[in-house]
Amino acid sequence: MFYLLLAIICSIILGHLFKVASKYHVPQSHVFVVNYLVATVTAYLLIRDPFVYSLPVVAMGTFVGVFFVLGFFLFSYNIKLQGVGLASIYMRLSALIPTIGSVILFHEQLGISQVIAIGLIFVGLLFAGSQLPWRNSTKEVRQALLWGIVLFIVVGLSDFSLKLKTELFSHVGSQNFLFYVFGAALLISLVWFVIERKRVTLVGILLGAVVGLFNFGSAQFLLVGLKSIPGMAAYPINGIGVILGSLLSGILIWQEKWYRHNFIFLGASLIGLYLLY
């Protein structure tokens, strides 16, 4: 449980670090490059199992790395649009997609509680924005809801890619695989950095380094926690912990405003995540 708690804390802090980057207009490309450089080096230095190099493993790691970059970008953008609390809920609801993918590809059984969870999560999404979509909501509100759903899908596909890794490449150590994932994300971020051509700042470098450490920690601590806690308990605990922690800290630190119908979204999300596993 200790490592799972560390994973939750790392995930919550990541959200606030992106909020800091947005608030002080730190170029995202700088944060992303340094973040993935630090995460890649950290993963490599912590490899303890025999290093595995094969084209299928590298290809899978690259595939996941692309989704990591895209997911981080969307997470950062949603924080800017909707705050830490709502963005974190969208991100953690993505656990729904690996569940559906496992049913389709691996023929895992879907129980009645999981069916109810899927329904609750989709209904809850209607209450996520600052205005209800059926009450003449503005274009900005509809766009924010759309970007939240895109984040939900992308992070869900990223999580399901990790599920594929455990099914197809269980012999590859977690640090070894994360080295490929973060390495691919680093190369993509470098391209973005070169295209953007913004002046490098010390703040961007330092913030990126801190993000990289917590980014690696959130993934690594979760993997370690899963060794002692069954996934059916670890994932909902992680999701619910990050949602509640991000919500409360977002209100306390950033004075983020929540509307009454947002708490319907929160309740449906927490119950749905609990039932999902």
C-alpha atoms as a PDB file:
ATOM      1  CA  MET A   1       0.000   0.000   0.000  1.00  0.00           C
ATOM      2  CA  PHE A   2       2.955   2.320   0.680  1.00  0.00           C
ATOM      3  CA  TYR A   3       4.127   2.249  -2.953  1.00  0.00           C
ATOM      4  CA  LEU A   4       0.579   2.751  -4.201  1.00  0.00           C
ATOM      5  CA  LEU A   5       0.301   5.823  -1.966  1.00  0.00           C
ATOM      6  CA  LEU A   6       3.559   7.152  -3.467  1.00  0.00           C
ATOM      7  CA  ALA A   7       2.158   6.605  -6.997  1.00  0.00           C
ATOM      8  CA  ILE A   8      -0.976   8.587  -6.070  1.00  0.00           C
ATOM      9  CA  ILE A   9       1.072  11.451  -4.605  1.00  0.00           C
ATOM     10  CA  CYS A  10       3.308  11.586  -7.695  1.00  0.00           C
ATOM     11  CA  SER A  11       0.273  11.746 -10.008  1.00  0.00           C
ATOM     12  CA  ILE A  12      -1.337  14.557  -7.992  1.00  0.00           C
ATOM     13  CA  ILE A  13       1.884  16.576  -7.954  1.00  0.00           C
ATOM     14  CA  LEU A  14       2.248  16.134 -11.734  1.00  0.00           C
ATOM     15  CA  GLY A  15      -1.098  17.856 -12.245  1.00  0.00           C
ATOM     16  CA  HIS A  16      -0.031  20.842 -10.158  1.00  0.00           C
ATOM     17  CA  LEU A  17       3.348  21.084 -11.924  1.00  0.00           C
ATOM     18  CA  PHE A  18       1.516  21.422 -15.253  1.00  0.00           C
ATOM     19  CA  LYS A  19      -0.699  24.055 -13.664  1.00  0.00           C
ATOM     20  CA  VAL A  20       2.444  25.973 -12.652  1.00  0.00           C
ATOM     21  CA  ALA A  21       3.804  25.701 -16.208  1.00  0.00           C
ATOM     22  CA  SER A  22       0.520  27.057 -17.593  1.00  0.00           C
ATOM     23  CA  LYS A  23       0.257  29.855 -15.028  1.00  0.00           C
ATOM     24  CA  TYR A  24       3.770  31.159 -15.679  1.00  0.00           C
ATOM     25  CA  HIS A  25       3.674  30.521 -19.460  1.00  0.00           C
ATOM     26  CA  VAL A  26       6.583  28.078 -19.483  1.00  0.00           C
ATOM     27  CA  PRO A  27       6.925  26.622 -23.022  1.00  0.00           C
ATOM     28  CA  GLN A  28       5.533  23.088 -22.966  1.00  0.00           C
ATOM     29  CA  SER A  29       8.170  21.778 -25.379  1.00  0.00           C
ATOM     30  CA  HIS A  30      10.934  22.654 -22.872  1.00  0.00           C
ATOM     31  CA  VAL A  31       9.141  20.906 -20.022  1.00  0.00           C
ATOM     32  CA  PHE A  32       8.414  17.846 -22.153  1.00  0.00           C
ATOM     33  CA  VAL A  33      11.975  17.429 -23.480  1.00  0.00           C
ATOM     34  CA  VAL A  34      13.666  17.714 -20.079  1.00  0.00           C
ATOM     35  CA  ASN A  35      10.917  15.627 -18.460  1.00  0.00           C
ATOM     36  CA  TYR A  36      11.396  12.698 -20.831  1.00  0.00           C
ATOM     37  CA  LEU A  37      15.188  13.029 -20.774  1.00  0.00           C
ATOM     38  CA  VAL A  38      15.207  12.713 -16.971  1.00  0.00           C
ATOM     39  CA  ALA A  39      12.636   9.881 -17.034  1.00  0.00           C
ATOM     40  CA  THR A  40      14.615   7.965 -19.713  1.00  0.00           C
ATOM     41  CA  VAL A  41      17.928   8.279 -17.852  1.00  0.00           C
ATOM     42  CA  THR A  42      16.280   7.309 -14.553  1.00  0.00           C
ATOM     43  CA  ALA A  43      14.673   4.220 -16.108  1.00  0.00           C
ATOM     44  CA  TYR A  44      18.005   3.143 -17.620  1.00  0.00           C
ATOM     45  CA  LEU A  45      19.968   3.612 -14.393  1.00  0.00           C
ATOM     46  CA  LEU A  46      17.445   1.522 -12.440  1.00  0.00           C
ATOM     47  CA  ILE A  47      17.412  -1.482 -14.817  1.00  0.00           C
ATOM     48  CA  ARG A  48      18.254  -4.570 -12.781  1.00  0.00           C
ATOM     49  CA  ASP A  49      17.060  -7.428 -15.011  1.00  0.00           C
ATOM     50  CA  PRO A  50      19.029  -8.476 -18.130  1.00  0.00           C
ATOM     51  CA  PHE A  51      18.573  -5.774 -20.784  1.00  0.00           C
ATOM     52  CA  VAL A  52      16.194  -6.927 -23.534  1.00  0.00           C
ATOM     53  CA  TYR A  53      16.509  -5.533 -27.050  1.00  0.00           C
ATOM     54  CA  SER A  54      14.209  -6.800 -29.783  1.00  0.00           C
ATOM     55  CA  LEU A  55      12.286  -5.106 -32.574  1.00  0.00           C
ATOM     56  CA  PRO A  56       8.792  -6.040 -31.256  1.00  0.00           C
ATOM     57  CA  VAL A  57       9.602  -4.706 -27.762  1.00  0.00           C
ATOM     58  CA  VAL A  58      11.076  -1.473 -29.156  1.00  0.00           C
ATOM     59  CA  ALA A  59       8.063  -1.074 -31.471  1.00  0.00           C
ATOM     60  CA  MET A  60       5.619  -1.538 -28.583  1.00  0.00           C
ATOM     61  CA  GLY A  61       7.602   0.876 -26.419  1.00  0.00           C
ATOM     62  CA  THR A  62       7.587   3.449 -29.232  1.00  0.00           C
ATOM     63  CA  PHE A  63       3.838   3.026 -29.696  1.00  0.00           C
ATOM     64  CA  VAL A  64       3.220   3.598 -25.989  1.00  0.00           C
ATOM     65  CA  GLY A  65       5.662   6.531 -25.993  1.00  0.00           C
ATOM     66  CA  VAL A  66       3.627   8.302 -28.683  1.00  0.00           C
ATOM     67  CA  PHE A  67       0.498   7.972 -26.558  1.00  0.00           C
ATOM     68  CA  PHE A  68       2.406   9.148 -23.468  1.00  0.00           C
ATOM     69  CA  VAL A  69       3.408  12.399 -25.192  1.00  0.00           C
ATOM     70  CA  LEU A  70      -0.051  12.947 -26.622  1.00  0.00           C
ATOM     71  CA  GLY A  71      -1.673  12.152 -23.271  1.00  0.00           C
ATOM     72  CA  PHE A  72       0.640  14.530 -21.384  1.00  0.00           C
ATOM     73  CA  PHE A  73      -0.029  17.306 -23.897  1.00  0.00           C
ATOM     74  CA  LEU A  74      -3.795  16.830 -23.609  1.00  0.00           C
ATOM     75  CA  PHE A  75      -3.586  16.638 -19.808  1.00  0.00           C
ATOM     76  CA  SER A  76      -1.678  19.923 -19.710  1.00  0.00           C
ATOM     77  CA  TYR A  77      -4.121  21.551 -22.130  1.00  0.00           C
ATOM     78  CA  ASN A  78      -7.154  20.353 -20.156  1.00  0.00           C
ATOM     79  CA  ILE A  79      -5.655  21.716 -16.926  1.00  0.00           C
ATOM     80  CA  LYS A  80      -5.393  25.083 -18.652  1.00  0.00           C
ATOM     81  CA  LEU A  81      -9.032  24.865 -19.801  1.00  0.00           C
ATOM     82  CA  GLN A  82     -10.723  23.220 -16.812  1.00  0.00           C
ATOM     83  CA  GLY A  83      -8.347  23.067 -13.867  1.00  0.00           C
ATOM     84  CA  VAL A  84      -6.462  20.270 -12.126  1.00  0.00           C
ATOM     85  CA  GLY A  85      -9.540  18.577 -10.610  1.00  0.00           C
ATOM     86  CA  LEU A  86     -11.625  17.979 -13.745  1.00  0.00           C
ATOM     87  CA  ALA A  87      -8.610  17.155 -15.930  1.00  0.00           C
ATOM     88  CA  SER A  88      -7.457  14.515 -13.427  1.00  0.00           C
ATOM     89  CA  ILE A  89     -10.919  12.923 -13.360  1.00  0.00           C
ATOM     90  CA  TYR A  90     -10.995  12.644 -17.154  1.00  0.00           C
ATOM     91  CA  MET A  91      -7.538  11.088 -17.049  1.00  0.00           C
ATOM     92  CA  ARG A  92      -8.369   8.512 -14.369  1.00  0.00           C
ATOM     93  CA  LEU A  93     -11.692   7.510 -15.928  1.00  0.00           C
ATOM     94  CA  SER A  94      -9.592   6.111 -18.770  1.00  0.00           C
ATOM     95  CA  ALA A  95      -9.450   2.825 -16.790  1.00  0.00           C
ATOM     96  CA  LEU A  96     -12.728   2.090 -18.565  1.00  0.00           C
ATOM     97  CA  ILE A  97     -11.010   1.613 -21.941  1.00  0.00           C
ATOM     98  CA  PRO A  98      -8.546  -1.150 -20.891  1.00  0.00           C
ATOM     99  CA  THR A  99     -11.523  -2.975 -19.363  1.00  0.00           C
ATOM    100  CA  ILE A 100     -13.501  -2.861 -22.608  1.00  0.00           C
ATOM    101  CA  GLY A 101     -10.383  -3.729 -24.632  1.00  0.00           C
ATOM    102  CA  SER A 102      -9.670  -6.753 -22.447  1.00  0.00           C
ATOM    103  CA  VAL A 103     -13.212  -8.024 -23.001  1.00  0.00           C
ATOM    104  CA  ILE A 104     -12.927  -7.626 -26.775  1.00  0.00           C
ATOM    105  CA  LEU A 105      -9.356  -8.864 -27.374  1.00  0.00           C
ATOM    106  CA  PHE A 106      -8.705 -11.226 -24.475  1.00  0.00           C
ATOM    107  CA  HIS A 107     -12.273 -12.489 -23.977  1.00  0.00           C
ATOM    108  CA  GLU A 108     -12.333 -11.515 -20.309  1.00  0.00           C
ATOM    109  CA  GLN A 109     -15.741 -11.702 -18.686  1.00  0.00           C
ATOM    110  CA  LEU A 110     -17.728  -8.511 -18.077  1.00  0.00           C
ATOM    111  CA  GLY A 111     -19.808  -8.725 -14.910  1.00  0.00           C
ATOM    112  CA  ILE A 112     -23.002  -6.853 -14.131  1.00  0.00           C
ATOM    113  CA  SER A 113     -21.112  -4.435 -11.837  1.00  0.00           C
ATOM    114  CA  GLN A 114     -18.755  -3.514 -14.696  1.00  0.00           C
ATOM    115  CA  VAL A 115     -21.692  -2.910 -17.049  1.00  0.00           C
ATOM    116  CA  ILE A 116     -23.210  -0.560 -14.442  1.00  0.00           C
ATOM    117  CA  ALA A 117     -19.792   1.133 -14.060  1.00  0.00           C
ATOM    118  CA  ILE A 118     -19.523   1.788 -17.802  1.00  0.00           C
ATOM    119  CA  GLY A 119     -23.012   3.302 -17.846  1.00  0.00           C
ATOM    120  CA  LEU A 120     -22.298   5.495 -14.806  1.00  0.00           C
ATOM    121  CA  ILE A 121     -19.060   6.822 -16.277  1.00  0.00           C
ATOM    122  CA  PHE A 122     -20.595   7.771 -19.611  1.00  0.00           C
ATOM    123  CA  VAL A 123     -23.614   9.416 -17.962  1.00  0.00           C
ATOM    124  CA  GLY A 124     -21.310  11.223 -15.542  1.00  0.00           C
ATOM    125  CA  LEU A 125     -19.371  12.805 -18.425  1.00  0.00           C
ATOM    126  CA  LEU A 126     -22.455  14.878 -19.256  1.00  0.00           C
ATOM    127  CA  PHE A 127     -22.043  16.704 -15.919  1.00  0.00           C
ATOM    128  CA  ALA A 128     -18.324  17.438 -16.246  1.00  0.00           C
ATOM    129  CA  GLY A 129     -18.308  20.951 -17.691  1.00  0.00           C
ATOM    130  CA  SER A 130     -19.069  24.353 -16.212  1.00  0.00           C
ATOM    131  CA  GLN A 131     -22.478  24.217 -17.947  1.00  0.00           C
ATOM    132  CA  LEU A 132     -24.789  21.340 -18.767  1.00  0.00           C
ATOM    133  CA  PRO A 133     -24.613  20.545 -22.512  1.00  0.00           C
ATOM    134  CA  TRP A 134     -28.424  20.597 -22.938  1.00  0.00           C
ATOM    135  CA  ARG A 135     -28.771  24.100 -21.418  1.00  0.00           C
ATOM    136  CA  ASN A 136     -27.514  26.251 -24.274  1.00  0.00           C
ATOM    137  CA  SER A 137     -23.890  25.892 -23.250  1.00  0.00           C
ATOM    138  CA  THR A 138     -21.345  28.137 -24.930  1.00  0.00           C
ATOM    139  CA  LYS A 139     -18.937  27.082 -27.650  1.00  0.00           C
ATOM    140  CA  GLU A 140     -16.059  27.247 -25.145  1.00  0.00           C
ATOM    141  CA  VAL A 141     -17.850  24.903 -22.736  1.00  0.00           C
ATOM    142  CA  ARG A 142     -18.580  22.387 -25.496  1.00  0.00           C
ATOM    143  CA  GLN A 143     -14.965  22.535 -26.659  1.00  0.00           C
ATOM    144  CA  ALA A 144     -13.713  21.964 -23.103  1.00  0.00           C
ATOM    145  CA  LEU A 145     -15.951  18.900 -22.790  1.00  0.00           C
ATOM    146  CA  LEU A 146     -14.709  17.618 -26.159  1.00  0.00           C
ATOM    147  CA  TRP A 147     -11.047  18.020 -25.170  1.00  0.00           C
ATOM    148  CA  GLY A 148     -11.764  16.217 -21.899  1.00  0.00           C
ATOM    149  CA  ILE A 149     -13.260  13.265 -23.780  1.00  0.00           C
ATOM    150  CA  VAL A 150     -10.260  13.200 -26.161  1.00  0.00           C
ATOM    151  CA  LEU A 151      -7.963  13.055 -23.097  1.00  0.00           C
ATOM    152  CA  PHE A 152     -10.095  10.224 -21.694  1.00  0.00           C
ATOM    153  CA  ILE A 153      -9.719   8.212 -24.941  1.00  0.00           C
ATOM    154  CA  VAL A 154      -5.997   8.825 -25.496  1.00  0.00           C
ATOM    155  CA  VAL A 155      -4.960   7.988 -21.918  1.00  0.00           C
ATOM    156  CA  GLY A 156      -7.249   4.946 -22.008  1.00  0.00           C
ATOM    157  CA  LEU A 157      -5.512   3.661 -25.142  1.00  0.00           C
ATOM    158  CA  SER A 158      -2.159   4.331 -23.480  1.00  0.00           C
ATOM    159  CA  ASP A 159      -3.199   2.304 -20.426  1.00  0.00           C
ATOM    160  CA  PHE A 160      -4.457  -0.503 -22.646  1.00  0.00           C
ATOM    161  CA  SER A 161      -1.073  -0.522 -24.419  1.00  0.00           C
ATOM    162  CA  LEU A 162       0.514  -1.316 -21.055  1.00  0.00           C
ATOM    163  CA  LYS A 163      -2.001  -4.143 -20.684  1.00  0.00           C
ATOM    164  CA  LEU A 164      -0.822  -5.447 -24.083  1.00  0.00           C
ATOM    165  CA  LYS A 165       2.763  -5.264 -22.847  1.00  0.00           C
ATOM    166  CA  THR A 166       1.991  -7.457 -19.832  1.00  0.00           C
ATOM    167  CA  GLU A 167       0.231  -9.985 -22.081  1.00  0.00           C
ATOM    168  CA  LEU A 168       2.785 -10.060 -24.915  1.00  0.00           C
ATOM    169  CA  PHE A 169       6.126  -9.162 -23.279  1.00  0.00           C
ATOM    170  CA  SER A 170       5.865 -10.283 -19.671  1.00  0.00           C
ATOM    171  CA  HIS A 171       9.541 -11.332 -19.747  1.00  0.00           C
ATOM    172  CA  VAL A 172      10.678  -7.705 -20.168  1.00  0.00           C
ATOM    173  CA  GLY A 173      11.386  -5.814 -16.931  1.00  0.00           C
ATOM    174  CA  SER A 174       9.377  -2.685 -16.172  1.00  0.00           C
ATOM    175  CA  GLN A 175      12.389  -0.316 -16.160  1.00  0.00           C
ATOM    176  CA  ASN A 176      13.606  -1.838 -19.434  1.00  0.00           C
ATOM    177  CA  PHE A 177      10.247  -1.249 -21.087  1.00  0.00           C
ATOM    178  CA  LEU A 178       9.866   2.248 -19.588  1.00  0.00           C
ATOM    179  CA  PHE A 179      13.304   3.079 -21.035  1.00  0.00           C
ATOM    180  CA  TYR A 180      11.919   2.451 -24.541  1.00  0.00           C
ATOM    181  CA  VAL A 181       8.667   4.272 -23.759  1.00  0.00           C
ATOM    182  CA  PHE A 182      10.290   7.399 -22.354  1.00  0.00           C
ATOM    183  CA  GLY A 183      13.061   7.275 -24.973  1.00  0.00           C
ATOM    184  CA  ALA A 184      10.527   7.342 -27.815  1.00  0.00           C
ATOM    185  CA  ALA A 185       8.628  10.151 -26.071  1.00  0.00           C
ATOM    186  CA  LEU A 186      11.911  12.073 -25.750  1.00  0.00           C
ATOM    187  CA  LEU A 187      12.598  11.861 -29.501  1.00  0.00           C
ATOM    188  CA  ILE A 188       9.084  13.090 -30.323  1.00  0.00           C
ATOM    189  CA  SER A 189       9.444  15.956 -27.840  1.00  0.00           C
ATOM    190  CA  LEU A 190      12.786  16.935 -29.381  1.00  0.00           C
ATOM    191  CA  VAL A 191      11.141  17.327 -32.788  1.00  0.00           C
ATOM    192  CA  TRP A 192       8.482  19.538 -31.195  1.00  0.00           C
ATOM    193  CA  PHE A 193      11.185  21.535 -29.401  1.00  0.00           C
ATOM    194  CA  VAL A 194      13.117  22.176 -32.648  1.00  0.00           C
ATOM    195  CA  ILE A 195       9.973  23.208 -34.540  1.00  0.00           C
ATOM    196  CA  GLU A 196       8.749  25.535 -31.788  1.00  0.00           C
ATOM    197  CA  ARG A 197      12.100  27.382 -31.534  1.00  0.00           C
ATOM    198  CA  LYS A 198      11.395  29.095 -28.252  1.00  0.00           C
ATOM    199  CA  ARG A 199      14.152  30.442 -26.041  1.00  0.00           C
ATOM    200  CA  VAL A 200      15.347  27.971 -23.426  1.00  0.00           C
ATOM    201  CA  THR A 201      14.816  29.154 -19.872  1.00  0.00           C
ATOM    202  CA  LEU A 202      16.231  27.951 -16.568  1.00  0.00           C
ATOM    203  CA  VAL A 203      12.686  27.700 -15.176  1.00  0.00           C
ATOM    204  CA  GLY A 204      11.673  25.416 -18.053  1.00  0.00           C
ATOM    205  CA  ILE A 205      14.690  23.162 -17.468  1.00  0.00           C
ATOM    206  CA  LEU A 206      14.195  22.918 -13.700  1.00  0.00           C
ATOM    207  CA  LEU A 207      10.433  22.385 -13.965  1.00  0.00           C
ATOM    208  CA  GLY A 208      10.933  19.738 -16.663  1.00  0.00           C
ATOM    209  CA  ALA A 209      13.449  17.887 -14.482  1.00  0.00           C
ATOM    210  CA  VAL A 210      11.048  17.801 -11.539  1.00  0.00           C
ATOM    211  CA  VAL A 211       8.189  16.656 -13.820  1.00  0.00           C
ATOM    212  CA  GLY A 212      10.440  13.875 -15.162  1.00  0.00           C
ATOM    213  CA  LEU A 213      11.166  12.506 -11.701  1.00  0.00           C
ATOM    214  CA  PHE A 214       7.510  12.485 -10.671  1.00  0.00           C
ATOM    215  CA  ASN A 215       6.474  11.131 -14.086  1.00  0.00           C
ATOM    216  CA  PHE A 216       8.811   8.165 -13.700  1.00  0.00           C
ATOM    217  CA  GLY A 217       7.820   7.752 -10.061  1.00  0.00           C
ATOM    218  CA  SER A 218       4.089   7.592 -10.818  1.00  0.00           C
ATOM    219  CA  ALA A 219       4.643   4.735 -13.284  1.00  0.00           C
ATOM    220  CA  GLN A 220       7.310   2.877 -11.324  1.00  0.00           C
ATOM    221  CA  PHE A 221       5.618   3.019  -7.919  1.00  0.00           C
ATOM    222  CA  LEU A 222       2.373   1.761  -9.443  1.00  0.00           C
ATOM    223  CA  LEU A 223       4.197  -1.185 -11.027  1.00  0.00           C
ATOM    224  CA  VAL A 224       5.885  -2.008  -7.699  1.00  0.00           C
ATOM    225  CA  GLY A 225       2.587  -1.659  -5.840  1.00  0.00           C
ATOM    226  CA  LEU A 226       0.927  -4.106  -8.211  1.00  0.00           C
ATOM    227  CA  LYS A 227       3.341  -6.801  -7.027  1.00  0.00           C
ATOM    228  CA  SER A 228       1.716  -6.855  -3.589  1.00  0.00           C
ATOM    229  CA  ILE A 229      -1.804  -5.582  -4.321  1.00  0.00           C
ATOM    230  CA  PRO A 230      -4.104  -7.235  -6.906  1.00  0.00           C
ATOM    231  CA  GLY A 231      -4.828  -5.071  -9.932  1.00  0.00           C
ATOM    232  CA  MET A 232      -8.567  -5.258  -9.276  1.00  0.00           C
ATOM    233  CA  ALA A 233      -7.915  -3.348  -6.027  1.00  0.00           C
ATOM    234  CA  ALA A 234      -4.876  -1.250  -6.987  1.00  0.00           C
ATOM    235  CA  TYR A 235      -6.365   0.479 -10.038  1.00  0.00           C
ATOM    236  CA  PRO A 236      -9.543   1.798  -8.395  1.00  0.00           C
ATOM    237  CA  ILE A 237      -7.600   2.846  -5.268  1.00  0.00           C
ATOM    238  CA  ASN A 238      -5.113   4.700  -7.483  1.00  0.00           C
ATOM    239  CA  GLY A 239      -7.846   6.325  -9.574  1.00  0.00           C
ATOM    240  CA  ILE A 240     -10.032   7.362  -6.655  1.00  0.00           C
ATOM    241  CA  GLY A 241      -7.011   8.612  -4.676  1.00  0.00           C
ATOM    242  CA  VAL A 242      -5.794  10.802  -7.539  1.00  0.00           C
ATOM    243  CA  ILE A 243      -9.296  12.170  -8.231  1.00  0.00           C
ATOM    244  CA  LEU A 244      -9.991  13.121  -4.609  1.00  0.00           C
ATOM    245  CA  GLY A 245      -6.478  14.430  -4.008  1.00  0.00           C
ATOM    246  CA  SER A 246      -6.497  16.521  -7.205  1.00  0.00           C
ATOM    247  CA  LEU A 247      -9.978  17.868  -6.492  1.00  0.00           C
ATOM    248  CA  LEU A 248      -9.249  18.952  -2.927  1.00  0.00           C
ATOM    249  CA  SER A 249      -5.774  20.322  -3.642  1.00  0.00           C
ATOM    250  CA  GLY A 250      -7.045  22.153  -6.754  1.00  0.00           C
ATOM    251  CA  ILE A 251      -9.691  23.930  -4.675  1.00  0.00           C
ATOM    252  CA  LEU A 252      -7.260  24.724  -1.843  1.00  0.00           C
ATOM    253  CA  ILE A 253      -4.225  25.763  -3.909  1.00  0.00           C
ATOM    254  CA  TRP A 254      -5.740  27.286  -7.061  1.00  0.00           C
ATOM    255  CA  GLN A 255      -9.251  28.188  -5.814  1.00  0.00           C
ATOM    256  CA  GLU A 256     -10.745  26.200  -8.692  1.00  0.00           C
ATOM    257  CA  LYS A 257     -14.501  26.654  -8.942  1.00  0.00           C
ATOM    258  CA  TRP A 258     -16.814  23.643  -8.935  1.00  0.00           C
ATOM    259  CA  TYR A 259     -20.506  23.754  -9.803  1.00  0.00           C
ATOM    260  CA  ARG A 260     -23.166  21.632  -8.126  1.00  0.00           C
ATOM    261  CA  HIS A 261     -23.634  19.377 -11.145  1.00  0.00           C
ATOM    262  CA  ASN A 262     -19.852  18.694 -11.209  1.00  0.00           C
ATOM    263  CA  PHE A 263     -20.289  16.711  -8.009  1.00  0.00           C
ATOM    264  CA  ILE A 264     -22.669  14.383  -9.892  1.00  0.00           C
ATOM    265  CA  PHE A 265     -19.736  13.778 -12.248  1.00  0.00           C
ATOM    266  CA  LEU A 266     -17.449  13.193  -9.248  1.00  0.00           C
ATOM    267  CA  GLY A 267     -19.875  10.774  -7.571  1.00  0.00           C
ATOM    268  CA  ALA A 268     -20.551   8.812 -10.764  1.00  0.00           C
ATOM    269  CA  SER A 269     -16.792   8.638 -11.420  1.00  0.00           C
ATOM    270  CA  LEU A 270     -15.891   7.335  -7.965  1.00  0.00           C
ATOM    271  CA  ILE A 271     -18.698   4.745  -7.919  1.00  0.00           C
ATOM    272  CA  GLY A 272     -17.895   3.726 -11.495  1.00  0.00           C
ATOM    273  CA  LEU A 273     -14.202   3.236 -10.777  1.00  0.00           C
ATOM    274  CA  TYR A 274     -15.040   1.224  -7.657  1.00  0.00           C
ATOM    275  CA  LEU A 275     -17.417  -1.057  -9.567  1.00  0.00           C
ATOM    276  CA  LEU A 276     -15.077  -1.374 -12.554  1.00  0.00           C
ATOM    277  CA  TYR A 277     -12.714  -3.681 -10.699  1.00  0.00           C
END
